[in-house]
PDB file of N, CA and C in Angstrom:
ATOM      1  N   MET A   1     -44.255 -15.541 -34.972  1.00  0.00           N
ATOM      2  CA  MET A   1     -43.185 -15.267 -34.050  1.00  0.00           C
ATOM      3  C   MET A   1     -43.017 -13.758 -33.961  1.00  0.00           C
ATOM      4  N   THR A   2     -43.030 -13.198 -32.749  1.00  0.00           N
ATOM      5  CA  THR A   2     -42.859 -11.770 -32.582  1.00  0.00           C
ATOM      6  C   THR A   2     -41.385 -11.434 -32.532  1.00  0.00           C
ATOM      7  N   ALA A   3     -41.088 -10.138 -32.661  1.00  0.00           N
ATOM      8  CA  ALA A   3     -39.689  -9.710 -32.668  1.00  0.00           C
ATOM      9  C   ALA A   3     -38.995 -10.070 -31.363  1.00  0.00           C
ATOM     10  N   SER A   4     -39.722 -10.007 -30.220  1.00  0.00           N
ATOM     11  CA  SER A   4     -39.091 -10.331 -28.943  1.00  0.00           C
ATOM     12  C   SER A   4     -38.782 -11.814 -28.828  1.00  0.00           C
ATOM     13  N   GLN A   5     -39.463 -12.671 -29.581  1.00  0.00           N
ATOM     14  CA  GLN A   5     -39.222 -14.103 -29.540  1.00  0.00           C
ATOM     15  C   GLN A   5     -38.250 -14.556 -30.621  1.00  0.00           C
ATOM     16  N   SER A   6     -37.897 -13.684 -31.533  1.00  0.00           N
ATOM     17  CA  SER A   6     -37.023 -14.050 -32.633  1.00  0.00           C
ATOM     18  C   SER A   6     -35.597 -14.227 -32.140  1.00  0.00           C
ATOM     19  N   PRO A   7     -34.891 -15.241 -32.658  1.00  0.00           N
ATOM     20  CA  PRO A   7     -33.494 -15.405 -32.289  1.00  0.00           C
ATOM     21  C   PRO A   7     -32.601 -14.307 -32.863  1.00  0.00           C
ATOM     22  N   ILE A   8     -33.139 -13.516 -33.799  1.00  0.00           N
ATOM     23  CA  ILE A   8     -32.393 -12.395 -34.358  1.00  0.00           C
ATOM     24  C   ILE A   8     -32.774 -11.157 -33.564  1.00  0.00           C
ATOM     25  N   SER A   9     -31.815 -10.616 -32.819  1.00  0.00           N
ATOM     26  CA  SER A   9     -32.108  -9.428 -32.032  1.00  0.00           C
ATOM     27  C   SER A   9     -32.104  -8.207 -32.941  1.00  0.00           C
ATOM     28  N   ALA A  10     -32.304  -7.057 -32.361  1.00  0.00           N
ATOM     29  CA  ALA A  10     -32.350  -5.814 -33.141  1.00  0.00           C
ATOM     30  C   ALA A  10     -31.080  -5.663 -33.973  1.00  0.00           C
ATOM     31  N   PRO A  11     -31.210  -5.062 -35.146  1.00  0.00           N
ATOM     32  CA  PRO A  11     -30.027  -4.880 -35.985  1.00  0.00           C
ATOM     33  C   PRO A  11     -28.998  -3.988 -35.292  1.00  0.00           C
ATOM     34  N   THR A  12     -27.743  -4.238 -35.590  1.00  0.00           N
ATOM     35  CA  THR A  12     -26.640  -3.422 -35.087  1.00  0.00           C
ATOM     36  C   THR A  12     -26.171  -2.524 -36.236  1.00  0.00           C
ATOM     37  N   PRO A  13     -25.316  -1.566 -35.966  1.00  0.00           N
ATOM     38  CA  PRO A  13     -24.830  -0.706 -37.057  1.00  0.00           C
ATOM     39  C   PRO A  13     -24.109  -1.486 -38.163  1.00  0.00           C
ATOM     40  N   THR A  14     -23.528  -2.640 -37.825  1.00  0.00           N
ATOM     41  CA  THR A  14     -22.775  -3.393 -38.833  1.00  0.00           C
ATOM     42  C   THR A  14     -23.433  -4.698 -39.254  1.00  0.00           C
ATOM     43  N   GLY A  15     -24.527  -5.112 -38.595  1.00  0.00           N
ATOM     44  CA  GLY A  15     -25.144  -6.392 -38.933  1.00  0.00           C
ATOM     45  C   GLY A  15     -26.242  -6.775 -37.963  1.00  0.00           C
ATOM     46  N   ILE A  16     -26.114  -7.974 -37.381  1.00  0.00           N
ATOM     47  CA  ILE A  16     -27.138  -8.492 -36.466  1.00  0.00           C
ATOM     48  C   ILE A  16     -26.480  -9.237 -35.309  1.00  0.00           C
ATOM     49  N   HIS A  17     -27.275  -9.522 -34.288  1.00  0.00           N
ATOM     50  CA  HIS A  17     -26.897 -10.436 -33.223  1.00  0.00           C
ATOM     51  C   HIS A  17     -27.853 -11.617 -33.264  1.00  0.00           C
ATOM     52  N   LEU A  18     -27.338 -12.812 -33.052  1.00  0.00           N
ATOM     53  CA  LEU A  18     -28.149 -14.023 -32.988  1.00  0.00           C
ATOM     54  C   LEU A  18     -28.050 -14.625 -31.592  1.00  0.00           C
ATOM     55  N   ARG A  19     -29.197 -15.017 -31.045  1.00  0.00           N
ATOM     56  CA  ARG A  19     -29.218 -15.780 -29.795  1.00  0.00           C
ATOM     57  C   ARG A  19     -29.282 -17.255 -30.184  1.00  0.00           C
ATOM     58  N   LEU A  20     -28.351 -18.040 -29.651  1.00  0.00           N
ATOM     59  CA  LEU A  20     -28.245 -19.450 -30.024  1.00  0.00           C
ATOM     60  C   LEU A  20     -28.219 -20.344 -28.799  1.00  0.00           C
ATOM     61  N   ARG A  21     -28.730 -21.526 -28.960  1.00  0.00           N
ATOM     62  CA  ARG A  21     -28.622 -22.601 -27.963  1.00  0.00           C
ATOM     63  C   ARG A  21     -27.903 -23.745 -28.669  1.00  0.00           C
ATOM     64  N   ILE A  22     -26.726 -24.120 -28.178  1.00  0.00           N
ATOM     65  CA  ILE A  22     -25.842 -25.062 -28.850  1.00  0.00           C
ATOM     66  C   ILE A  22     -25.939 -26.452 -28.221  1.00  0.00           C
ATOM     67  N   GLN A  23     -25.932 -27.469 -29.067  1.00  0.00           N
ATOM     68  CA  GLN A  23     -25.842 -28.860 -28.625  1.00  0.00           C
ATOM     69  C   GLN A  23     -24.577 -29.447 -29.254  1.00  0.00           C
ATOM     70  N   PRO A  24     -23.468 -29.481 -28.495  1.00  0.00           N
ATOM     71  CA  PRO A  24     -22.234 -30.051 -29.049  1.00  0.00           C
ATOM     72  C   PRO A  24     -22.293 -31.577 -29.085  1.00  0.00           C
ATOM     73  N   ARG A  25     -21.374 -32.175 -29.805  1.00  0.00           N
ATOM     74  CA  ARG A  25     -21.258 -33.634 -29.954  1.00  0.00           C
ATOM     75  C   ARG A  25     -22.514 -34.272 -30.546  1.00  0.00           C
ATOM     76  N   ALA A  26     -23.198 -33.555 -31.407  1.00  0.00           N
ATOM     77  CA  ALA A  26     -24.375 -34.110 -32.086  1.00  0.00           C
ATOM     78  C   ALA A  26     -23.894 -35.022 -33.217  1.00  0.00           C
ATOM     79  N   SER A  27     -24.802 -35.811 -33.744  1.00  0.00           N
ATOM     80  CA  SER A  27     -24.420 -36.718 -34.831  1.00  0.00           C
ATOM     81  C   SER A  27     -24.058 -35.964 -36.104  1.00  0.00           C
ATOM     82  N   ARG A  28     -24.638 -34.756 -36.293  1.00  0.00           N
ATOM     83  CA  ARG A  28     -24.279 -33.928 -37.443  1.00  0.00           C
ATOM     84  C   ARG A  28     -24.529 -32.466 -37.112  1.00  0.00           C
ATOM     85  N   THR A  29     -23.929 -31.580 -37.870  1.00  0.00           N
ATOM     86  CA  THR A  29     -24.093 -30.144 -37.681  1.00  0.00           C
ATOM     87  C   THR A  29     -25.295 -29.684 -38.488  1.00  0.00           C
ATOM     88  N   GLU A  30     -26.247 -29.031 -37.779  1.00  0.00           N
ATOM     89  CA  GLU A  30     -27.484 -28.613 -38.428  1.00  0.00           C
ATOM     90  C   GLU A  30     -28.249 -27.628 -37.558  1.00  0.00           C
ATOM     91  N   LEU A  31     -29.185 -26.913 -38.185  1.00  0.00           N
ATOM     92  CA  LEU A  31     -30.160 -26.129 -37.441  1.00  0.00           C
ATOM     93  C   LEU A  31     -31.206 -27.095 -36.920  1.00  0.00           C
ATOM     94  N   ALA A  32     -31.694 -26.838 -35.709  1.00  0.00           N
ATOM     95  CA  ALA A  32     -32.653 -27.764 -35.111  1.00  0.00           C
ATOM     96  C   ALA A  32     -33.872 -27.045 -34.548  1.00  0.00           C
ATOM     97  N   GLY A  33     -34.247 -25.913 -35.137  1.00  0.00           N
ATOM     98  CA  GLY A  33     -35.465 -25.231 -34.726  1.00  0.00           C
ATOM     99  C   GLY A  33     -35.216 -24.152 -33.691  1.00  0.00           C
ATOM    100  N   ILE A  34     -36.288 -23.794 -33.006  1.00  0.00           N
ATOM    101  CA  ILE A  34     -36.268 -22.714 -32.025  1.00  0.00           C
ATOM    102  C   ILE A  34     -36.304 -23.318 -30.621  1.00  0.00           C
ATOM    103  N   HIS A  35     -35.514 -22.742 -29.722  1.00  0.00           N
ATOM    104  CA  HIS A  35     -35.482 -23.142 -28.311  1.00  0.00           C
ATOM    105  C   HIS A  35     -35.734 -21.877 -27.495  1.00  0.00           C
ATOM    106  N   GLY A  36     -36.994 -21.646 -27.081  1.00  0.00           N
ATOM    107  CA  GLY A  36     -37.342 -20.407 -26.394  1.00  0.00           C
ATOM    108  C   GLY A  36     -37.182 -19.235 -27.351  1.00  0.00           C
ATOM    109  N   ASP A  37     -36.287 -18.296 -27.006  1.00  0.00           N
ATOM    110  CA  ASP A  37     -36.033 -17.153 -27.894  1.00  0.00           C
ATOM    111  C   ASP A  37     -34.705 -17.305 -28.631  1.00  0.00           C
ATOM    112  N   ALA A  38     -34.188 -18.532 -28.694  1.00  0.00           N
ATOM    113  CA  ALA A  38     -32.902 -18.774 -29.352  1.00  0.00           C
ATOM    114  C   ALA A  38     -33.056 -19.810 -30.460  1.00  0.00           C
ATOM    115  N   LEU A  39     -32.141 -19.749 -31.404  1.00  0.00           N
ATOM    116  CA  LEU A  39     -32.082 -20.727 -32.479  1.00  0.00           C
ATOM    117  C   LEU A  39     -31.237 -21.897 -31.993  1.00  0.00           C
ATOM    118  N   ARG A  40     -31.768 -23.100 -32.072  1.00  0.00           N
ATOM    119  CA  ARG A  40     -31.023 -24.285 -31.645  1.00  0.00           C
ATOM    120  C   ARG A  40     -30.127 -24.752 -32.782  1.00  0.00           C
ATOM    121  N   VAL A  41     -28.855 -24.980 -32.454  1.00  0.00           N
ATOM    122  CA  VAL A  41     -27.873 -25.444 -33.424  1.00  0.00           C
ATOM    123  C   VAL A  41     -27.203 -26.692 -32.866  1.00  0.00           C
ATOM    124  N   ARG A  42     -27.244 -27.750 -33.627  1.00  0.00           N
ATOM    125  CA  ARG A  42     -26.531 -28.977 -33.266  1.00  0.00           C
ATOM    126  C   ARG A  42     -25.172 -28.953 -33.963  1.00  0.00           C
ATOM    127  N   LEU A  43     -24.115 -29.215 -33.206  1.00  0.00           N
ATOM    128  CA  LEU A  43     -22.762 -29.226 -33.746  1.00  0.00           C
ATOM    129  C   LEU A  43     -22.127 -30.582 -33.504  1.00  0.00           C
ATOM    130  N   SER A  44     -21.486 -31.127 -34.513  1.00  0.00           N
ATOM    131  CA  SER A  44     -20.817 -32.418 -34.345  1.00  0.00           C
ATOM    132  C   SER A  44     -19.516 -32.275 -33.562  1.00  0.00           C
ATOM    133  N   ALA A  45     -18.975 -31.077 -33.482  1.00  0.00           N
ATOM    134  CA  ALA A  45     -17.709 -30.849 -32.781  1.00  0.00           C
ATOM    135  C   ALA A  45     -17.894 -30.950 -31.269  1.00  0.00           C
ATOM    136  N   PRO A  46     -16.864 -31.425 -30.555  1.00  0.00           N
ATOM    137  CA  PRO A  46     -16.930 -31.484 -29.092  1.00  0.00           C
ATOM    138  C   PRO A  46     -16.637 -30.106 -28.491  1.00  0.00           C
ATOM    139  N   PRO A  47     -17.122 -29.857 -27.276  1.00  0.00           N
ATOM    140  CA  PRO A  47     -16.866 -28.561 -26.633  1.00  0.00           C
ATOM    141  C   PRO A  47     -15.501 -28.550 -25.941  1.00  0.00           C
ATOM    142  N   VAL A  48     -14.449 -28.833 -26.696  1.00  0.00           N
ATOM    143  CA  VAL A  48     -13.097 -28.929 -26.140  1.00  0.00           C
ATOM    144  C   VAL A  48     -12.181 -27.967 -26.892  1.00  0.00           C
ATOM    145  N   ASP A  49     -11.411 -27.177 -26.150  1.00  0.00           N
ATOM    146  CA  ASP A  49     -10.421 -26.263 -26.730  1.00  0.00           C
ATOM    147  C   ASP A  49     -11.007 -25.357 -27.815  1.00  0.00           C
ATOM    148  N   GLY A  50     -12.247 -24.931 -27.660  1.00  0.00           N
ATOM    149  CA  GLY A  50     -12.859 -24.012 -28.618  1.00  0.00           C
ATOM    150  C   GLY A  50     -13.295 -24.644 -29.931  1.00  0.00           C
ATOM    151  N   ALA A  51     -13.241 -25.980 -30.030  1.00  0.00           N
ATOM    152  CA  ALA A  51     -13.596 -26.646 -31.295  1.00  0.00           C
ATOM    153  C   ALA A  51     -15.054 -26.393 -31.668  1.00  0.00           C
ATOM    154  N   ALA A  52     -15.950 -26.418 -30.696  1.00  0.00           N
ATOM    155  CA  ALA A  52     -17.370 -26.200 -31.000  1.00  0.00           C
ATOM    156  C   ALA A  52     -17.600 -24.756 -31.450  1.00  0.00           C
ATOM    157  N   ASN A  53     -16.933 -23.796 -30.826  1.00  0.00           N
ATOM    158  CA  ASN A  53     -17.092 -22.399 -31.245  1.00  0.00           C
ATOM    159  C   ASN A  53     -16.581 -22.198 -32.664  1.00  0.00           C
ATOM    160  N   GLN A  54     -15.452 -22.807 -33.002  1.00  0.00           N
ATOM    161  CA  GLN A  54     -14.924 -22.684 -34.360  1.00  0.00           C
ATOM    162  C   GLN A  54     -15.859 -23.352 -35.369  1.00  0.00           C
ATOM    163  N   ALA A  55     -16.415 -24.508 -35.010  1.00  0.00           N
ATOM    164  CA  ALA A  55     -17.375 -25.183 -35.889  1.00  0.00           C
ATOM    165  C   ALA A  55     -18.626 -24.328 -36.070  1.00  0.00           C
ATOM    166  N   LEU A  56     -19.063 -23.681 -34.996  1.00  0.00           N
ATOM    167  CA  LEU A  56     -20.228 -22.798 -35.063  1.00  0.00           C
ATOM    168  C   LEU A  56     -19.967 -21.628 -36.011  1.00  0.00           C
ATOM    169  N   ILE A  57     -18.806 -21.013 -35.901  1.00  0.00           N
ATOM    170  CA  ILE A  57     -18.458 -19.881 -36.763  1.00  0.00           C
ATOM    171  C   ILE A  57     -18.435 -20.320 -38.228  1.00  0.00           C
ATOM    172  N   ARG A  58     -17.811 -21.464 -38.510  1.00  0.00           N
ATOM    173  CA  ARG A  58     -17.779 -21.965 -39.897  1.00  0.00           C
ATOM    174  C   ARG A  58     -19.188 -22.238 -40.412  1.00  0.00           C
ATOM    175  N   PHE A  59     -20.008 -22.909 -39.593  1.00  0.00           N
ATOM    176  CA  PHE A  59     -21.366 -23.273 -39.997  1.00  0.00           C
ATOM    177  C   PHE A  59     -22.205 -22.028 -40.285  1.00  0.00           C
ATOM    178  N   LEU A  60     -22.182 -21.053 -39.372  1.00  0.00           N
ATOM    179  CA  LEU A  60     -22.988 -19.845 -39.570  1.00  0.00           C
ATOM    180  C   LEU A  60     -22.493 -19.026 -40.758  1.00  0.00           C
ATOM    181  N   ALA A  61     -21.187 -18.926 -40.928  1.00  0.00           N
ATOM    182  CA  ALA A  61     -20.644 -18.168 -42.066  1.00  0.00           C
ATOM    183  C   ALA A  61     -21.094 -18.794 -43.382  1.00  0.00           C
ATOM    184  N   ASP A  62     -21.031 -20.117 -43.477  1.00  0.00           N
ATOM    185  CA  ASP A  62     -21.474 -20.798 -44.699  1.00  0.00           C
ATOM    186  C   ASP A  62     -22.977 -20.626 -44.908  1.00  0.00           C
ATOM    187  N   LEU A  63     -23.751 -20.805 -43.847  1.00  0.00           N
ATOM    188  CA  LEU A  63     -25.206 -20.731 -43.929  1.00  0.00           C
ATOM    189  C   LEU A  63     -25.677 -19.322 -44.313  1.00  0.00           C
ATOM    190  N   LEU A  64     -25.027 -18.307 -43.754  1.00  0.00           N
ATOM    191  CA  LEU A  64     -25.439 -16.923 -43.992  1.00  0.00           C
ATOM    192  C   LEU A  64     -24.702 -16.279 -45.162  1.00  0.00           C
ATOM    193  N   SER A  65     -23.791 -17.015 -45.788  1.00  0.00           N
ATOM    194  CA  SER A  65     -23.009 -16.510 -46.928  1.00  0.00           C
ATOM    195  C   SER A  65     -22.242 -15.241 -46.589  1.00  0.00           C
ATOM    196  N   VAL A  66     -21.559 -15.277 -45.451  1.00  0.00           N
ATOM    197  CA  VAL A  66     -20.680 -14.184 -45.047  1.00  0.00           C
ATOM    198  C   VAL A  66     -19.302 -14.778 -44.761  1.00  0.00           C
ATOM    199  N   PRO A  67     -18.248 -13.959 -44.762  1.00  0.00           N
ATOM    200  CA  PRO A  67     -16.929 -14.488 -44.424  1.00  0.00           C
ATOM    201  C   PRO A  67     -16.870 -14.925 -42.955  1.00  0.00           C
ATOM    202  N   ARG A  68     -16.013 -15.865 -42.653  1.00  0.00           N
ATOM    203  CA  ARG A  68     -15.857 -16.317 -41.259  1.00  0.00           C
ATOM    204  C   ARG A  68     -15.482 -15.170 -40.343  1.00  0.00           C
ATOM    205  N   SER A  69     -14.713 -14.231 -40.865  1.00  0.00           N
ATOM    206  CA  SER A  69     -14.293 -13.084 -40.049  1.00  0.00           C
ATOM    207  C   SER A  69     -15.475 -12.192 -39.663  1.00  0.00           C
ATOM    208  N   ALA A  70     -16.628 -12.358 -40.306  1.00  0.00           N
ATOM    209  CA  ALA A  70     -17.814 -11.558 -40.002  1.00  0.00           C
ATOM    210  C   ALA A  70     -18.640 -12.159 -38.870  1.00  0.00           C
ATOM    211  N   VAL A  71     -18.273 -13.354 -38.403  1.00  0.00           N
ATOM    212  CA  VAL A  71     -19.022 -14.044 -37.349  1.00  0.00           C
ATOM    213  C   VAL A  71     -18.159 -14.100 -36.094  1.00  0.00           C
ATOM    214  N   GLN A  72     -18.726 -13.622 -34.963  1.00  0.00           N
ATOM    215  CA  GLN A  72     -17.965 -13.577 -33.720  1.00  0.00           C
ATOM    216  C   GLN A  72     -18.865 -13.920 -32.536  1.00  0.00           C
ATOM    217  N   VAL A  73     -18.400 -14.833 -31.684  1.00  0.00           N
ATOM    218  CA  VAL A  73     -19.106 -15.146 -30.439  1.00  0.00           C
ATOM    219  C   VAL A  73     -18.794 -14.018 -29.466  1.00  0.00           C
ATOM    220  N   ILE A  74     -19.830 -13.265 -29.049  1.00  0.00           N
ATOM    221  CA  ILE A  74     -19.590 -12.123 -28.170  1.00  0.00           C
ATOM    222  C   ILE A  74     -20.030 -12.383 -26.732  1.00  0.00           C
ATOM    223  N   ALA A  75     -20.794 -13.433 -26.502  1.00  0.00           N
ATOM    224  CA  ALA A  75     -21.179 -13.814 -25.140  1.00  0.00           C
ATOM    225  C   ALA A  75     -21.435 -15.319 -25.118  1.00  0.00           C
ATOM    226  N   GLY A  76     -21.053 -15.957 -24.023  1.00  0.00           N
ATOM    227  CA  GLY A  76     -21.293 -17.383 -23.877  1.00  0.00           C
ATOM    228  C   GLY A  76     -20.211 -18.248 -24.488  1.00  0.00           C
ATOM    229  N   GLU A  77     -18.995 -17.768 -24.501  1.00  0.00           N
ATOM    230  CA  GLU A  77     -17.875 -18.498 -25.098  1.00  0.00           C
ATOM    231  C   GLU A  77     -17.788 -19.940 -24.595  1.00  0.00           C
ATOM    232  N   SER A  78     -18.049 -20.154 -23.305  1.00  0.00           N
ATOM    233  CA  SER A  78     -17.960 -21.506 -22.739  1.00  0.00           C
ATOM    234  C   SER A  78     -19.317 -22.021 -22.272  1.00  0.00           C
ATOM    235  N   SER A  79     -20.377 -21.477 -22.836  1.00  0.00           N
ATOM    236  CA  SER A  79     -21.740 -21.853 -22.456  1.00  0.00           C
ATOM    237  C   SER A  79     -22.490 -22.408 -23.662  1.00  0.00           C
ATOM    238  N   ARG A  80     -23.564 -23.136 -23.404  1.00  0.00           N
ATOM    239  CA  ARG A  80     -24.422 -23.597 -24.503  1.00  0.00           C
ATOM    240  C   ARG A  80     -25.268 -22.465 -25.071  1.00  0.00           C
ATOM    241  N   SER A  81     -25.564 -21.468 -24.248  1.00  0.00           N
ATOM    242  CA  SER A  81     -26.309 -20.295 -24.704  1.00  0.00           C
ATOM    243  C   SER A  81     -25.308 -19.242 -25.141  1.00  0.00           C
ATOM    244  N   LYS A  82     -25.429 -18.787 -26.380  1.00  0.00           N
ATOM    245  CA  LYS A  82     -24.450 -17.864 -26.947  1.00  0.00           C
ATOM    246  C   LYS A  82     -25.143 -16.681 -27.611  1.00  0.00           C
ATOM    247  N   LEU A  83     -24.420 -15.576 -27.646  1.00  0.00           N
ATOM    248  CA  LEU A  83     -24.819 -14.424 -28.430  1.00  0.00           C
ATOM    249  C   LEU A  83     -23.728 -14.237 -29.470  1.00  0.00           C
ATOM    250  N   VAL A  84     -24.136 -14.235 -30.739  1.00  0.00           N
ATOM    251  CA  VAL A  84     -23.182 -14.173 -31.845  1.00  0.00           C
ATOM    252  C   VAL A  84     -23.468 -12.931 -32.675  1.00  0.00           C
ATOM    253  N   ALA A  85     -22.415 -12.176 -32.969  1.00  0.00           N
ATOM    254  CA  ALA A  85     -22.529 -11.006 -33.849  1.00  0.00           C
ATOM    255  C   ALA A  85     -22.170 -11.437 -35.263  1.00  0.00           C
ATOM    256  N   VAL A  86     -22.986 -11.012 -36.220  1.00  0.00           N
ATOM    257  CA  VAL A  86     -22.722 -11.294 -37.631  1.00  0.00           C
ATOM    258  C   VAL A  86     -22.744  -9.961 -38.371  1.00  0.00           C
ATOM    259  N   SER A  87     -21.625  -9.624 -38.993  1.00  0.00           N
ATOM    260  CA  SER A  87     -21.508  -8.365 -39.738  1.00  0.00           C
ATOM    261  C   SER A  87     -21.844  -8.589 -41.206  1.00  0.00           C
ATOM    262  N   GLY A  88     -22.340  -7.546 -41.833  1.00  0.00           N
ATOM    263  CA  GLY A  88     -22.548  -7.571 -43.273  1.00  0.00           C
ATOM    264  C   GLY A  88     -23.841  -8.218 -43.728  1.00  0.00           C
ATOM    265  N   ILE A  89     -24.812  -8.351 -42.827  1.00  0.00           N
ATOM    266  CA  ILE A  89     -26.100  -8.948 -43.192  1.00  0.00           C
ATOM    267  C   ILE A  89     -27.193  -8.275 -42.360  1.00  0.00           C
ATOM    268  N   GLY A  90     -28.342  -8.067 -42.971  1.00  0.00           N
ATOM    269  CA  GLY A  90     -29.471  -7.463 -42.279  1.00  0.00           C
ATOM    270  C   GLY A  90     -30.392  -8.521 -41.686  1.00  0.00           C
ATOM    271  N   PRO A  91     -31.300  -8.117 -40.813  1.00  0.00           N
ATOM    272  CA  PRO A  91     -32.186  -9.077 -40.161  1.00  0.00           C
ATOM    273  C   PRO A  91     -33.104  -9.832 -41.127  1.00  0.00           C
ATOM    274  N   GLU A  92     -33.630  -9.151 -42.142  1.00  0.00           N
ATOM    275  CA  GLU A  92     -34.528  -9.828 -43.082  1.00  0.00           C
ATOM    276  C   GLU A  92     -33.784 -10.871 -43.901  1.00  0.00           C
ATOM    277  N   GLN A  93     -32.600 -10.499 -44.369  1.00  0.00           N
ATOM    278  CA  GLN A  93     -31.786 -11.415 -45.155  1.00  0.00           C
ATOM    279  C   GLN A  93     -31.356 -12.619 -44.301  1.00  0.00           C
ATOM    280  N   ALA A  94     -30.971 -12.375 -43.059  1.00  0.00           N
ATOM    281  CA  ALA A  94     -30.573 -13.458 -42.163  1.00  0.00           C
ATOM    282  C   ALA A  94     -31.756 -14.387 -41.890  1.00  0.00           C
ATOM    283  N   ALA A  95     -32.935 -13.814 -41.649  1.00  0.00           N
ATOM    284  CA  ALA A  95     -34.120 -14.626 -41.382  1.00  0.00           C
ATOM    285  C   ALA A  95     -34.429 -15.542 -42.570  1.00  0.00           C
ATOM    286  N   ARG A  96     -34.308 -15.015 -43.781  1.00  0.00           N
ATOM    287  CA  ARG A  96     -34.545 -15.835 -44.972  1.00  0.00           C
ATOM    288  C   ARG A  96     -33.540 -16.981 -45.054  1.00  0.00           C
ATOM    289  N   ARG A  97     -32.265 -16.670 -44.864  1.00  0.00           N
ATOM    290  CA  ARG A  97     -31.223 -17.693 -44.984  1.00  0.00           C
ATOM    291  C   ARG A  97     -31.278 -18.727 -43.873  1.00  0.00           C
ATOM    292  N   LEU A  98     -31.832 -18.341 -42.724  1.00  0.00           N
ATOM    293  CA  LEU A  98     -31.981 -19.278 -41.605  1.00  0.00           C
ATOM    294  C   LEU A  98     -33.324 -20.004 -41.638  1.00  0.00           C
ATOM    295  N   GLY A  99     -34.194 -19.628 -42.572  1.00  0.00           N
ATOM    296  CA  GLY A  99     -35.507 -20.249 -42.659  1.00  0.00           C
ATOM    297  C   GLY A  99     -36.470 -19.729 -41.616  1.00  0.00           C
ATOM    298  N   LEU A 100     -36.253 -18.508 -41.136  1.00  0.00           N
ATOM    299  CA  LEU A 100     -37.102 -17.918 -40.099  1.00  0.00           C
ATOM    300  C   LEU A 100     -38.002 -16.826 -40.646  1.00  0.00           C
ATOM    301  N   ASP A 101     -38.281 -16.846 -41.942  1.00  0.00           N
ATOM    302  CA  ASP A 101     -39.038 -15.767 -42.578  1.00  0.00           C
ATOM    303  C   ASP A 101     -40.535 -15.821 -42.333  1.00  0.00           C
ATOM    304  N   GLY A 102     -40.988 -16.689 -41.446  1.00  0.00           N
ATOM    305  CA  GLY A 102     -42.397 -16.755 -41.120  1.00  0.00           C
ATOM    306  C   GLY A 102     -43.183 -17.765 -41.907  1.00  0.00           C
ATOM    307  N   SER A 103     -42.577 -18.372 -42.919  1.00  0.00           N
ATOM    308  CA  SER A 103     -43.299 -19.356 -43.725  1.00  0.00           C
ATOM    309  C   SER A 103     -43.466 -20.678 -42.987  1.00  0.00           C
ATOM    310  N   CYS A 104     -42.643 -20.911 -41.967  1.00  0.00           N
ATOM    311  CA  CYS A 104     -42.791 -22.112 -41.153  1.00  0.00           C
ATOM    312  C   CYS A 104     -42.315 -21.792 -39.751  1.00  0.00           C
ATOM    313  N   SER A 105     -42.708 -22.605 -38.777  1.00  0.00           N
ATOM    314  CA  SER A 105     -42.350 -22.323 -37.393  1.00  0.00           C
ATOM    315  C   SER A 105     -40.926 -22.747 -37.076  1.00  0.00           C
ATOM    316  N   GLU A 106     -40.349 -23.644 -37.857  1.00  0.00           N
ATOM    317  CA  GLU A 106     -38.983 -24.080 -37.633  1.00  0.00           C
ATOM    318  C   GLU A 106     -38.208 -23.977 -38.937  1.00  0.00           C
ATOM    319  N   PRO A 107     -36.889 -23.699 -38.834  1.00  0.00           N
ATOM    320  CA  PRO A 107     -36.088 -23.615 -40.049  1.00  0.00           C
ATOM    321  C   PRO A 107     -35.948 -24.981 -40.692  1.00  0.00           C
ATOM    322  N   PRO A 108     -35.738 -25.016 -42.000  1.00  0.00           N
ATOM    323  CA  PRO A 108     -35.587 -26.305 -42.682  1.00  0.00           C
ATOM    324  C   PRO A 108     -34.298 -27.000 -42.240  1.00  0.00           C
ATOM    325  N   LEU A 109     -34.336 -28.295 -42.185  1.00  0.00           N
ATOM    326  CA  LEU A 109     -33.159 -29.076 -41.853  1.00  0.00           C
ATOM    327  C   LEU A 109     -32.544 -29.601 -43.130  1.00  0.00           C
ATOM    328  N   ASP A 110     -31.237 -29.489 -43.250  1.00  0.00           N
ATOM    329  CA  ASP A 110     -30.555 -29.958 -44.444  1.00  0.00           C
ATOM    330  C   ASP A 110     -30.198 -31.420 -44.325  1.00  0.00           C
TER     331      ASP A 110
END
């Protein structure tokens, strides 16, 4: 996977940006591989009143071992395609925690 195809965009001064493709109302919350240049995330929460965005923030914060306050949806608030800023983590560390370190083409499913 090249850098232009990675769901982790260039590092920011405070962390990283992630490109995500969300599937709300899934049977369970999990990573579901790569969708184009975005990481596919299945969320059990419905896309109603921001519930899916809040579930996404909780899921990513737990997965990346950062506080919830470090995860923010910066684009695509009401869309399935989202850009999320994560503070306090570098691209290599995020790739490892997401299972995108190059050892496999898709992240592990829990």
